[in-house]
């Protein structure tokens, strides 16, 4: 039991010898500057956040995809329209026997 008591006293004596920790010079100034630097990008105006490269490239990519989709639909619908017109004309011609030509000289 005596050793436990002695051990406790040694521990408490060692606490008295601990020196107060000292911060490096200008620690608070550097810390505040770093915090302000990290907080600053969140406080940018909306137009500056929108004009960064990532949102601009994403918007351009969406526009390219939308243009390709629209172009594909236009070409596809134009092919269908031409096919329908040809079908209508051939149906009209066969209905009125326009394929048969009459020779006027006979």
PDB file of N, CA and C in Angstrom:
ATOM      1  N   UNK A   1       0.817  -1.177   0.000  1.00  0.00           N
ATOM      2  CA  UNK A   1       0.000   0.000   0.000  1.00  0.00           C
ATOM      3  C   UNK A   1       0.864   1.245   0.000  1.00  0.00           C
ATOM      4  N   UNK A   2       1.981   1.094   0.639  1.00  0.00           N
ATOM      5  CA  UNK A   2       2.898   2.219   0.707  1.00  0.00           C
ATOM      6  C   UNK A   2       3.398   2.598  -0.690  1.00  0.00           C
ATOM      7  N   UNK A   3       3.591   1.623  -1.555  1.00  0.00           N
ATOM      8  CA  UNK A   3       4.067   1.910  -2.900  1.00  0.00           C
ATOM      9  C   UNK A   3       3.012   2.629  -3.721  1.00  0.00           C
ATOM     10  N   UNK A   4       1.755   2.290  -3.514  1.00  0.00           N
ATOM     11  CA  UNK A   4       0.690   2.980  -4.240  1.00  0.00           C
ATOM     12  C   UNK A   4       0.628   4.438  -3.809  1.00  0.00           C
ATOM     13  N   UNK A   5       0.779   4.655  -2.510  1.00  0.00           N
ATOM     14  CA  UNK A   5       0.737   6.024  -1.997  1.00  0.00           C
ATOM     15  C   UNK A   5       1.937   6.816  -2.509  1.00  0.00           C
ATOM     16  N   UNK A   6       3.093   6.175  -2.522  1.00  0.00           N
ATOM     17  CA  UNK A   6       4.295   6.820  -3.029  1.00  0.00           C
ATOM     18  C   UNK A   6       4.168   7.110  -4.522  1.00  0.00           C
ATOM     19  N   UNK A   7       3.580   6.188  -5.244  1.00  0.00           N
ATOM     20  CA  UNK A   7       3.374   6.368  -6.689  1.00  0.00           C
ATOM     21  C   UNK A   7       2.446   7.557  -6.955  1.00  0.00           C
ATOM     22  N   UNK A   8       1.399   7.692  -6.174  1.00  0.00           N
ATOM     23  CA  UNK A   8       0.474   8.809  -6.314  1.00  0.00           C
ATOM     24  C   UNK A   8       1.164  10.124  -6.016  1.00  0.00           C
ATOM     25  N   UNK A   9       1.979  10.137  -4.982  1.00  0.00           N
ATOM     26  CA  UNK A   9       2.716  11.368  -4.649  1.00  0.00           C
ATOM     27  C   UNK A   9       3.705  11.739  -5.747  1.00  0.00           C
ATOM     28  N   UNK A  10       4.378  10.771  -6.297  1.00  0.00           N
ATOM     29  CA  UNK A  10       5.310  11.039  -7.397  1.00  0.00           C
ATOM     30  C   UNK A  10       4.564  11.621  -8.604  1.00  0.00           C
ATOM     31  N   UNK A  11       3.378  11.072  -8.866  1.00  0.00           N
ATOM     32  CA  UNK A  11       2.574  11.570  -9.983  1.00  0.00           C
ATOM     33  C   UNK A  11       2.155  13.018  -9.741  1.00  0.00           C
ATOM     34  N   UNK A  12       1.676  13.320  -8.562  1.00  0.00           N
ATOM     35  CA  UNK A  12       1.249  14.685  -8.246  1.00  0.00           C
ATOM     36  C   UNK A  12       2.429  15.649  -8.266  1.00  0.00           C
ATOM     37  N   UNK A  13       3.600  15.223  -7.841  1.00  0.00           N
ATOM     38  CA  UNK A  13       4.795  16.071  -7.903  1.00  0.00           C
ATOM     39  C   UNK A  13       5.188  16.344  -9.353  1.00  0.00           C
ATOM     40  N   UNK A  14       5.035  15.345 -10.195  1.00  0.00           N
ATOM     41  CA  UNK A  14       5.403  15.544 -11.597  1.00  0.00           C
ATOM     42  C   UNK A  14       4.449  16.529 -12.278  1.00  0.00           C
ATOM     43  N   UNK A  15       3.207  16.590 -11.833  1.00  0.00           N
ATOM     44  CA  UNK A  15       2.263  17.549 -12.401  1.00  0.00           C
ATOM     45  C   UNK A  15       2.735  18.967 -12.100  1.00  0.00           C
ATOM     46  N   UNK A  16       3.289  19.191 -10.969  1.00  0.00           N
ATOM     47  CA  UNK A  16       3.775  20.515 -10.602  1.00  0.00           C
ATOM     48  C   UNK A  16       4.952  20.967 -11.461  1.00  0.00           C
ATOM     49  N   UNK A  17       5.662  20.048 -12.059  1.00  0.00           N
ATOM     50  CA  UNK A  17       6.829  20.398 -12.866  1.00  0.00           C
ATOM     51  C   UNK A  17       6.481  20.668 -14.336  1.00  0.00           C
ATOM     52  N   UNK A  18       5.212  20.452 -14.709  1.00  0.00           N
ATOM     53  CA  UNK A  18       4.803  20.654 -16.098  1.00  0.00           C
ATOM     54  C   UNK A  18       4.798  22.144 -16.409  1.00  0.00           C
ATOM     55  N   UNK A  19       5.401  22.492 -17.533  1.00  0.00           N
ATOM     56  CA  UNK A  19       5.418  23.897 -17.971  1.00  0.00           C
ATOM     57  C   UNK A  19       4.223  24.170 -18.867  1.00  0.00           C
ATOM     58  N   UNK A  20       3.767  25.381 -18.849  1.00  0.00           N
ATOM     59  CA  UNK A  20       2.633  25.791 -19.671  1.00  0.00           C
ATOM     60  C   UNK A  20       3.062  25.760 -21.145  1.00  0.00           C
ATOM     61  N   UNK A  21       2.196  25.217 -21.982  1.00  0.00           N
ATOM     62  CA  UNK A  21       2.497  25.138 -23.417  1.00  0.00           C
ATOM     63  C   UNK A  21       2.447  26.538 -24.013  1.00  0.00           C
ATOM     64  N   UNK A  22       3.357  26.789 -24.935  1.00  0.00           N
ATOM     65  CA  UNK A  22       3.409  28.097 -25.587  1.00  0.00           C
ATOM     66  C   UNK A  22       3.098  27.920 -27.065  1.00  0.00           C
ATOM     67  N   UNK A  23       2.265  28.797 -27.580  1.00  0.00           N
ATOM     68  CA  UNK A  23       1.927  28.768 -29.005  1.00  0.00           C
ATOM     69  C   UNK A  23       3.040  29.435 -29.796  1.00  0.00           C
ATOM     70  N   UNK A  24       3.235  29.017 -31.033  1.00  0.00           N
ATOM     71  CA  UNK A  24       4.241  29.678 -31.864  1.00  0.00           C
ATOM     72  C   UNK A  24       3.868  31.151 -32.080  1.00  0.00           C
ATOM     73  N   UNK A  25       4.866  31.926 -32.447  1.00  0.00           N
ATOM     74  CA  UNK A  25       4.627  33.345 -32.690  1.00  0.00           C
ATOM     75  C   UNK A  25       3.584  33.525 -33.789  1.00  0.00           C
ATOM     76  N   UNK A  26       2.721  34.493 -33.612  1.00  0.00           N
ATOM     77  CA  UNK A  26       1.672  34.866 -34.567  1.00  0.00           C
ATOM     78  C   UNK A  26       0.726  33.700 -34.888  1.00  0.00           C
ATOM     79  N   UNK A  27       0.565  32.793 -33.950  1.00  0.00           N
ATOM     80  CA  UNK A  27      -0.307  31.644 -34.166  1.00  0.00           C
ATOM     81  C   UNK A  27      -1.748  32.081 -34.410  1.00  0.00           C
ATOM     82  N   UNK A  28      -2.225  32.987 -33.571  1.00  0.00           N
ATOM     83  CA  UNK A  28      -3.614  33.427 -33.706  1.00  0.00           C
ATOM     84  C   UNK A  28      -3.827  34.143 -35.037  1.00  0.00           C
ATOM     85  N   UNK A  29      -2.875  34.956 -35.463  1.00  0.00           N
ATOM     86  CA  UNK A  29      -3.007  35.672 -36.728  1.00  0.00           C
ATOM     87  C   UNK A  29      -3.061  34.701 -37.902  1.00  0.00           C
ATOM     88  N   UNK A  30      -2.175  33.703 -37.888  1.00  0.00           N
ATOM     89  CA  UNK A  30      -2.172  32.722 -38.980  1.00  0.00           C
ATOM     90  C   UNK A  30      -3.431  31.869 -38.971  1.00  0.00           C
ATOM     91  N   UNK A  31      -3.903  31.508 -37.776  1.00  0.00           N
ATOM     92  CA  UNK A  31      -5.119  30.718 -37.669  1.00  0.00           C
ATOM     93  C   UNK A  31      -6.321  31.496 -38.188  1.00  0.00           C
ATOM     94  N   UNK A  32      -6.445  32.743 -37.825  1.00  0.00           N
ATOM     95  CA  UNK A  32      -7.569  33.571 -38.287  1.00  0.00           C
ATOM     96  C   UNK A  32      -7.502  33.759 -39.810  1.00  0.00           C
ATOM     97  N   UNK A  33      -6.304  33.942 -40.357  1.00  0.00           N
ATOM     98  CA  UNK A  33      -6.163  34.106 -41.802  1.00  0.00           C
ATOM     99  C   UNK A  33      -6.593  32.830 -42.524  1.00  0.00           C
ATOM    100  N   UNK A  34      -6.231  31.676 -41.994  1.00  0.00           N
ATOM    101  CA  UNK A  34      -6.612  30.407 -42.612  1.00  0.00           C
ATOM    102  C   UNK A  34      -8.131  30.206 -42.550  1.00  0.00           C
ATOM    103  N   UNK A  35      -8.736  30.550 -41.416  1.00  0.00           N
ATOM    104  CA  UNK A  35     -10.186  30.420 -41.294  1.00  0.00           C
ATOM    105  C   UNK A  35     -10.907  31.355 -42.262  1.00  0.00           C
ATOM    106  N   UNK A  36     -10.443  32.567 -42.394  1.00  0.00           N
ATOM    107  CA  UNK A  36     -11.056  33.507 -43.323  1.00  0.00           C
ATOM    108  C   UNK A  36     -10.898  33.036 -44.766  1.00  0.00           C
ATOM    109  N   UNK A  37      -9.758  32.448 -45.068  1.00  0.00           N
ATOM    110  CA  UNK A  37      -9.511  31.941 -46.420  1.00  0.00           C
ATOM    111  C   UNK A  37     -10.467  30.797 -46.757  1.00  0.00           C
ATOM    112  N   UNK A  38     -10.766  29.931 -45.787  1.00  0.00           N
ATOM    113  CA  UNK A  38     -11.674  28.811 -46.028  1.00  0.00           C
ATOM    114  C   UNK A  38     -13.126  29.265 -46.062  1.00  0.00           C
ATOM    115  N   UNK A  39     -13.476  30.284 -45.323  1.00  0.00           N
ATOM    116  CA  UNK A  39     -14.849  30.774 -45.289  1.00  0.00           C
ATOM    117  C   UNK A  39     -15.140  31.632 -46.509  1.00  0.00           C
ATOM    118  N   UNK A  40     -14.174  32.313 -47.052  1.00  0.00           N
ATOM    119  CA  UNK A  40     -14.368  33.260 -48.143  1.00  0.00           C
ATOM    120  C   UNK A  40     -15.036  32.664 -49.380  1.00  0.00           C
ATOM    121  N   UNK A  41     -14.656  31.479 -49.892  1.00  0.00           N
ATOM    122  CA  UNK A  41     -15.303  30.973 -51.104  1.00  0.00           C
ATOM    123  C   UNK A  41     -16.814  30.765 -50.949  1.00  0.00           C
ATOM    124  N   UNK A  42     -17.293  30.506 -49.746  1.00  0.00           N
ATOM    125  CA  UNK A  42     -18.720  30.316 -49.549  1.00  0.00           C
ATOM    126  C   UNK A  42     -19.467  31.644 -49.622  1.00  0.00           C
ATOM    127  N   UNK A  43     -18.765  32.752 -49.462  1.00  0.00           N
ATOM    128  CA  UNK A  43     -19.418  34.046 -49.450  1.00  0.00           C
ATOM    129  C   UNK A  43     -19.347  34.754 -50.798  1.00  0.00           C
ATOM    130  N   UNK A  44     -18.921  34.052 -51.840  1.00  0.00           N
ATOM    131  CA  UNK A  44     -18.847  34.658 -53.164  1.00  0.00           C
ATOM    132  C   UNK A  44     -20.251  34.936 -53.690  1.00  0.00           C
ATOM    133  N   UNK A  45     -20.400  35.980 -54.503  1.00  0.00           N
ATOM    134  CA  UNK A  45     -21.704  36.232 -55.121  1.00  0.00           C
ATOM    135  C   UNK A  45     -22.099  35.078 -56.044  1.00  0.00           C
ATOM    136  N   UNK A  46     -23.379  34.992 -56.318  1.00  0.00           N
ATOM    137  CA  UNK A  46     -23.912  33.877 -57.111  1.00  0.00           C
ATOM    138  C   UNK A  46     -23.272  33.833 -58.493  1.00  0.00           C
ATOM    139  N   UNK A  47     -23.118  34.967 -59.145  1.00  0.00           N
ATOM    140  CA  UNK A  47     -22.590  34.959 -60.510  1.00  0.00           C
ATOM    141  C   UNK A  47     -21.145  34.484 -60.545  1.00  0.00           C
ATOM    142  N   UNK A  48     -20.374  34.698 -59.467  1.00  0.00           N
ATOM    143  CA  UNK A  48     -18.997  34.193 -59.451  1.00  0.00           C
ATOM    144  C   UNK A  48     -18.972  32.692 -59.218  1.00  0.00           C
ATOM    145  N   UNK A  49     -19.915  32.164 -58.442  1.00  0.00           N
ATOM    146  CA  UNK A  49     -19.975  30.717 -58.242  1.00  0.00           C
ATOM    147  C   UNK A  49     -20.450  30.012 -59.508  1.00  0.00           C
ATOM    148  N   UNK A  50     -21.373  30.633 -60.250  1.00  0.00           N
ATOM    149  CA  UNK A  50     -21.908  30.023 -61.465  1.00  0.00           C
ATOM    150  C   UNK A  50     -20.861  29.996 -62.574  1.00  0.00           C
ATOM    151  N   UNK A  51     -20.020  31.018 -62.647  1.00  0.00           N
ATOM    152  CA  UNK A  51     -19.054  31.119 -63.738  1.00  0.00           C
ATOM    153  C   UNK A  51     -17.764  30.345 -63.486  1.00  0.00           C
ATOM    154  N   UNK A  52     -17.751  29.480 -62.502  1.00  0.00           N
ATOM    155  CA  UNK A  52     -16.576  28.622 -62.302  1.00  0.00           C
ATOM    156  C   UNK A  52     -16.582  27.537 -63.375  1.00  0.00           C
ATOM    157  N   UNK A  53     -15.446  26.925 -63.667  1.00  0.00           N
ATOM    158  CA  UNK A  53     -15.350  25.975 -64.786  1.00  0.00           C
ATOM    159  C   UNK A  53     -16.295  24.770 -64.699  1.00  0.00           C
ATOM    160  N   UNK A  54     -16.491  24.206 -63.542  1.00  0.00           N
ATOM    161  CA  UNK A  54     -17.307  22.991 -63.445  1.00  0.00           C
ATOM    162  C   UNK A  54     -18.764  23.261 -63.826  1.00  0.00           C
ATOM    163  N   UNK A  55     -19.435  24.285 -63.269  1.00  0.00           N
ATOM    164  CA  UNK A  55     -20.824  24.529 -63.707  1.00  0.00           C
ATOM    165  C   UNK A  55     -20.930  24.907 -65.183  1.00  0.00           C
ATOM    166  N   UNK A  56     -19.958  25.654 -65.688  1.00  0.00           N
ATOM    167  CA  UNK A  56     -20.008  26.059 -67.099  1.00  0.00           C
ATOM    168  C   UNK A  56     -19.860  24.839 -68.002  1.00  0.00           C
ATOM    169  N   UNK A  57     -18.925  23.951 -67.688  1.00  0.00           N
ATOM    170  CA  UNK A  57     -18.744  22.747 -68.501  1.00  0.00           C
ATOM    171  C   UNK A  57     -19.956  21.821 -68.409  1.00  0.00           C
ATOM    172  N   UNK A  58     -20.554  21.728 -67.238  1.00  0.00           N
ATOM    173  CA  UNK A  58     -21.756  20.896 -67.094  1.00  0.00           C
ATOM    174  C   UNK A  58     -22.900  21.458 -67.943  1.00  0.00           C
ATOM    175  N   UNK A  59     -23.063  22.767 -67.924  1.00  0.00           N
ATOM    176  CA  UNK A  59     -24.122  23.397 -68.716  1.00  0.00           C
ATOM    177  C   UNK A  59     -23.864  23.204 -70.210  1.00  0.00           C
ATOM    178  N   UNK A  60     -22.628  23.373 -70.637  1.00  0.00           N
ATOM    179  CA  UNK A  60     -22.304  23.172 -72.054  1.00  0.00           C
ATOM    180  C   UNK A  60     -22.537  21.721 -72.470  1.00  0.00           C
ATOM    181  N   UNK A  61     -22.191  20.787 -71.603  1.00  0.00           N
ATOM    182  CA  UNK A  61     -22.434  19.375 -71.902  1.00  0.00           C
ATOM    183  C   UNK A  61     -23.917  19.088 -72.067  1.00  0.00           C
ATOM    184  N   UNK A  62     -24.739  19.658 -71.195  1.00  0.00           N
ATOM    185  CA  UNK A  62     -26.196  19.474 -71.309  1.00  0.00           C
ATOM    186  C   UNK A  62     -26.717  20.072 -72.610  1.00  0.00           C
ATOM    187  N   UNK A  63     -26.209  21.235 -72.984  1.00  0.00           N
ATOM    188  CA  UNK A  63     -26.650  21.867 -74.225  1.00  0.00           C
ATOM    189  C   UNK A  63     -26.266  21.035 -75.448  1.00  0.00           C
ATOM    190  N   UNK A  64     -25.078  20.461 -75.436  1.00  0.00           N
ATOM    191  CA  UNK A  64     -24.644  19.621 -76.560  1.00  0.00           C
ATOM    192  C   UNK A  64     -25.540  18.385 -76.665  1.00  0.00           C
ATOM    193  N   UNK A  65     -25.820  17.748 -75.539  1.00  0.00           N
ATOM    194  CA  UNK A  65     -26.682  16.561 -75.546  1.00  0.00           C
ATOM    195  C   UNK A  65     -28.085  16.930 -76.028  1.00  0.00           C
ATOM    196  N   UNK A  66     -28.610  18.048 -75.563  1.00  0.00           N
ATOM    197  CA  UNK A  66     -29.935  18.483 -75.985  1.00  0.00           C
ATOM    198  C   UNK A  66     -29.971  18.784 -77.483  1.00  0.00           C
ATOM    199  N   UNK A  67     -28.915  19.429 -77.996  1.00  0.00           N
ATOM    200  CA  UNK A  67     -28.849  19.717 -79.431  1.00  0.00           C
ATOM    201  C   UNK A  67     -28.775  18.440 -80.257  1.00  0.00           C
ATOM    202  N   UNK A  68     -27.982  17.482 -79.823  1.00  0.00           N
ATOM    203  CA  UNK A  68     -27.886  16.211 -80.552  1.00  0.00           C
ATOM    204  C   UNK A  68     -29.218  15.476 -80.538  1.00  0.00           C
ATOM    205  N   UNK A  69     -29.893  15.496 -79.408  1.00  0.00           N
ATOM    206  CA  UNK A  69     -31.208  14.845 -79.309  1.00  0.00           C
ATOM    207  C   UNK A  69     -32.214  15.512 -80.256  1.00  0.00           C
ATOM    208  N   UNK A  70     -32.225  16.839 -80.265  1.00  0.00           N
ATOM    209  CA  UNK A  70     -33.145  17.574 -81.136  1.00  0.00           C
ATOM    210  C   UNK A  70     -32.825  17.323 -82.601  1.00  0.00           C
ATOM    211  N   UNK A  71     -31.559  17.336 -82.951  1.00  0.00           N
ATOM    212  CA  UNK A  71     -31.147  17.079 -84.327  1.00  0.00           C
ATOM    213  C   UNK A  71     -31.550  15.667 -84.761  1.00  0.00           C
ATOM    214  N   UNK A  72     -31.352  14.701 -83.895  1.00  0.00           N
ATOM    215  CA  UNK A  72     -31.747  13.326 -84.205  1.00  0.00           C
ATOM    216  C   UNK A  72     -33.240  13.208 -84.408  1.00  0.00           C
ATOM    217  N   UNK A  73     -34.024  13.868 -83.583  1.00  0.00           N
ATOM    218  CA  UNK A  73     -35.483  13.829 -83.758  1.00  0.00           C
ATOM    219  C   UNK A  73     -35.904  14.499 -85.049  1.00  0.00           C
ATOM    220  N   UNK A  74     -35.258  15.596 -85.421  1.00  0.00           N
ATOM    221  CA  UNK A  74     -35.616  16.289 -86.659  1.00  0.00           C
ATOM    222  C   UNK A  74     -35.332  15.406 -87.869  1.00  0.00           C
ATOM    223  N   UNK A  75     -34.182  14.775 -87.908  1.00  0.00           N
ATOM    224  CA  UNK A  75     -33.819  13.916 -89.035  1.00  0.00           C
ATOM    225  C   UNK A  75     -34.748  12.707 -89.091  1.00  0.00           C
ATOM    226  N   UNK A  76     -35.036  12.103 -87.954  1.00  0.00           N
ATOM    227  CA  UNK A  76     -35.904  10.934 -87.911  1.00  0.00           C
ATOM    228  C   UNK A  76     -37.324  11.293 -88.347  1.00  0.00           C
ATOM    229  N   UNK A  77     -37.835  12.427 -87.858  1.00  0.00           N
ATOM    230  CA  UNK A  77     -39.207  12.813 -88.241  1.00  0.00           C
ATOM    231  C   UNK A  77     -39.275  13.211 -89.709  1.00  0.00           C
ATOM    232  N   UNK A  78     -38.186  13.774 -90.262  1.00  0.00           N
ATOM    233  CA  UNK A  78     -38.165  14.135 -91.685  1.00  0.00           C
ATOM    234  C   UNK A  78     -38.212  12.875 -92.550  1.00  0.00           C
ATOM    235  N   UNK A  79     -37.497  11.815 -92.130  1.00  0.00           N
ATOM    236  CA  UNK A  79     -37.527  10.543 -92.867  1.00  0.00           C
ATOM    237  C   UNK A  79     -38.928   9.940 -92.827  1.00  0.00           C
ATOM    238  N   UNK A  80     -39.583  10.011 -91.699  1.00  0.00           N
ATOM    239  CA  UNK A  80     -40.934   9.457 -91.588  1.00  0.00           C
ATOM    240  C   UNK A  80     -41.893  10.252 -92.464  1.00  0.00           C
ATOM    241  N   UNK A  81     -41.746  11.584 -92.480  1.00  0.00           N
ATOM    242  CA  UNK A  81     -42.619  12.431 -93.299  1.00  0.00           C
ATOM    243  C   UNK A  81     -42.441  12.114 -94.769  1.00  0.00           C
ATOM    244  N   UNK A  82     -41.219  11.939 -95.250  1.00  0.00           N
ATOM    245  CA  UNK A  82     -40.962  11.606 -96.650  1.00  0.00           C
ATOM    246  C   UNK A  82     -41.571  10.249 -96.980  1.00  0.00           C
ATOM    247  N   UNK A  83     -41.425   9.280 -96.099  1.00  0.00           N
ATOM    248  CA  UNK A  83     -41.999   7.958 -96.335  1.00  0.00           C
ATOM    249  C   UNK A  83     -43.524   8.027 -96.388  1.00  0.00           C
ATOM    250  N   UNK A  84     -44.139   8.838 -95.531  1.00  0.00           N
ATOM    251  CA  UNK A  84     -45.595   8.973 -95.552  1.00  0.00           C
ATOM    252  C   UNK A  84     -46.061   9.649 -96.835  1.00  0.00           C
ATOM    253  N   UNK A  85     -45.326  10.668 -97.268  1.00  0.00           N
ATOM    254  CA  UNK A  85     -45.699  11.354 -98.512  1.00  0.00           C
ATOM    255  C   UNK A  85     -45.603  10.407 -99.705  1.00  0.00           C
ATOM    256  N   UNK A  86     -44.533   9.591 -99.737  1.00  0.00           N
ATOM    257  CA  UNK A  86     -44.394   8.622-100.829  1.00  0.00           C
ATOM    258  C   UNK A  86     -45.517   7.599-100.777  1.00  0.00           C
ATOM    259  N   UNK A  87     -45.893   7.172 -99.600  1.00  0.00           N
ATOM    260  CA  UNK A  87     -46.981   6.201 -99.477  1.00  0.00           C
ATOM    261  C   UNK A  87     -48.297   6.830 -99.907  1.00  0.00           C
ATOM    262  N   UNK A  88     -48.522   8.084 -99.539  1.00  0.00           N
ATOM    263  CA  UNK A  88     -49.755   8.767 -99.938  1.00  0.00           C
ATOM    264  C   UNK A  88     -49.818   8.959-101.450  1.00  0.00           C
ATOM    265  N   UNK A  89     -48.695   9.356-102.047  1.00  0.00           N
ATOM    266  CA  UNK A  89     -48.671   9.563-103.496  1.00  0.00           C
ATOM    267  C   UNK A  89     -48.870   8.257-104.255  1.00  0.00           C
ATOM    268  N   UNK A  90     -48.227   7.199-103.793  1.00  0.00           N
ATOM    269  CA  UNK A  90     -48.385   5.922-104.493  1.00  0.00           C
ATOM    270  C   UNK A  90     -49.802   5.391-104.312  1.00  0.00           C
ATOM    271  N   UNK A  91     -50.406   5.608-103.137  1.00  0.00           N
ATOM    272  CA  UNK A  91     -51.795   5.202-102.922  1.00  0.00           C
ATOM    273  C   UNK A  91     -52.739   5.993-103.797  1.00  0.00           C
ATOM    274  N   UNK A  92     -52.501   7.283-103.930  1.00  0.00           N
ATOM    275  CA  UNK A  92     -53.315   8.142-104.783  1.00  0.00           C
ATOM    276  C   UNK A  92     -53.192   7.723-106.252  1.00  0.00           C
ATOM    277  N   UNK A  93     -51.946   7.459-106.670  1.00  0.00           N
ATOM    278  CA  UNK A  93     -51.707   7.063-108.064  1.00  0.00           C
ATOM    279  C   UNK A  93     -52.360   5.729-108.371  1.00  0.00           C
ATOM    280  N   UNK A  94     -52.289   4.792-107.472  1.00  0.00           N
ATOM    281  CA  UNK A  94     -52.902   3.491-107.743  1.00  0.00           C
ATOM    282  C   UNK A  94     -54.427   3.579-107.683  1.00  0.00           C
ATOM    283  N   UNK A  95     -54.971   4.446-106.862  1.00  0.00           N
ATOM    284  CA  UNK A  95     -56.423   4.611-106.761  1.00  0.00           C
ATOM    285  C   UNK A  95     -57.023   5.127-108.070  1.00  0.00           C
ATOM    286  N   UNK A  96     -56.329   6.045-108.705  1.00  0.00           N
ATOM    287  CA  UNK A  96     -56.843   6.632-109.942  1.00  0.00           C
ATOM    288  C   UNK A  96     -56.168   6.072-111.196  1.00  0.00           C
ATOM    289  N   UNK A  97     -55.478   4.981-111.063  1.00  0.00           N
ATOM    290  CA  UNK A  97     -54.804   4.314-112.175  1.00  0.00           C
ATOM    291  C   UNK A  97     -53.901   5.266-112.951  1.00  0.00           C
ATOM    292  N   UNK A  98     -53.148   6.028-112.224  1.00  0.00           N
ATOM    293  CA  UNK A  98     -52.238   6.978-112.866  1.00  0.00           C
ATOM    294  C   UNK A  98     -50.952   6.312-113.333  1.00  0.00           C
ATOM    295  N   UNK A  99     -50.749   5.055-112.976  1.00  0.00           N
ATOM    296  CA  UNK A  99     -49.554   4.368-113.434  1.00  0.00           C
ATOM    297  C   UNK A  99     -49.717   3.934-114.889  1.00  0.00           C
ATOM    298  N   UNK A 100     -50.914   3.721-115.290  1.00  0.00           N
ATOM    299  CA  UNK A 100     -51.160   3.297-116.669  1.00  0.00           C
ATOM    300  C   UNK A 100     -51.205   4.547-117.552  1.00  0.00           C
ATOM    301  N   UNK A 101     -50.370   4.569-118.526  1.00  0.00           N
ATOM    302  CA  UNK A 101     -50.363   5.708-119.445  1.00  0.00           C
ATOM    303  C   UNK A 101     -51.133   5.342-120.694  1.00  0.00           C
ATOM    304  N   UNK A 102     -51.782   6.296-121.233  1.00  0.00           N
ATOM    305  CA  UNK A 102     -52.589   6.077-122.431  1.00  0.00           C
ATOM    306  C   UNK A 102     -51.822   6.620-123.615  1.00  0.00           C
ATOM    307  N   UNK A 103     -51.722   5.809-124.665  1.00  0.00           N
ATOM    308  CA  UNK A 103     -51.033   6.258-125.874  1.00  0.00           C
ATOM    309  C   UNK A 103     -52.045   6.956-126.772  1.00  0.00           C
ATOM    310  N   UNK A 104     -51.874   8.200-126.985  1.00  0.00           N
ATOM    311  CA  UNK A 104     -52.828   9.011-127.753  1.00  0.00           C
ATOM    312  C   UNK A 104     -52.712   8.692-129.248  1.00  0.00           C
ATOM    313  N   UNK A 105     -51.636   8.238-129.734  1.00  0.00           N
ATOM    314  CA  UNK A 105     -51.416   7.982-131.159  1.00  0.00           C
ATOM    315  C   UNK A 105     -52.199   6.757-131.649  1.00  0.00           C
ATOM    316  N   UNK A 106     -52.601   5.871-130.826  1.00  0.00           N
ATOM    317  CA  UNK A 106     -53.339   4.669-131.262  1.00  0.00           C
ATOM    318  C   UNK A 106     -54.766   4.901-131.334  1.00  0.00           C
TER     319      UNK A 106
END
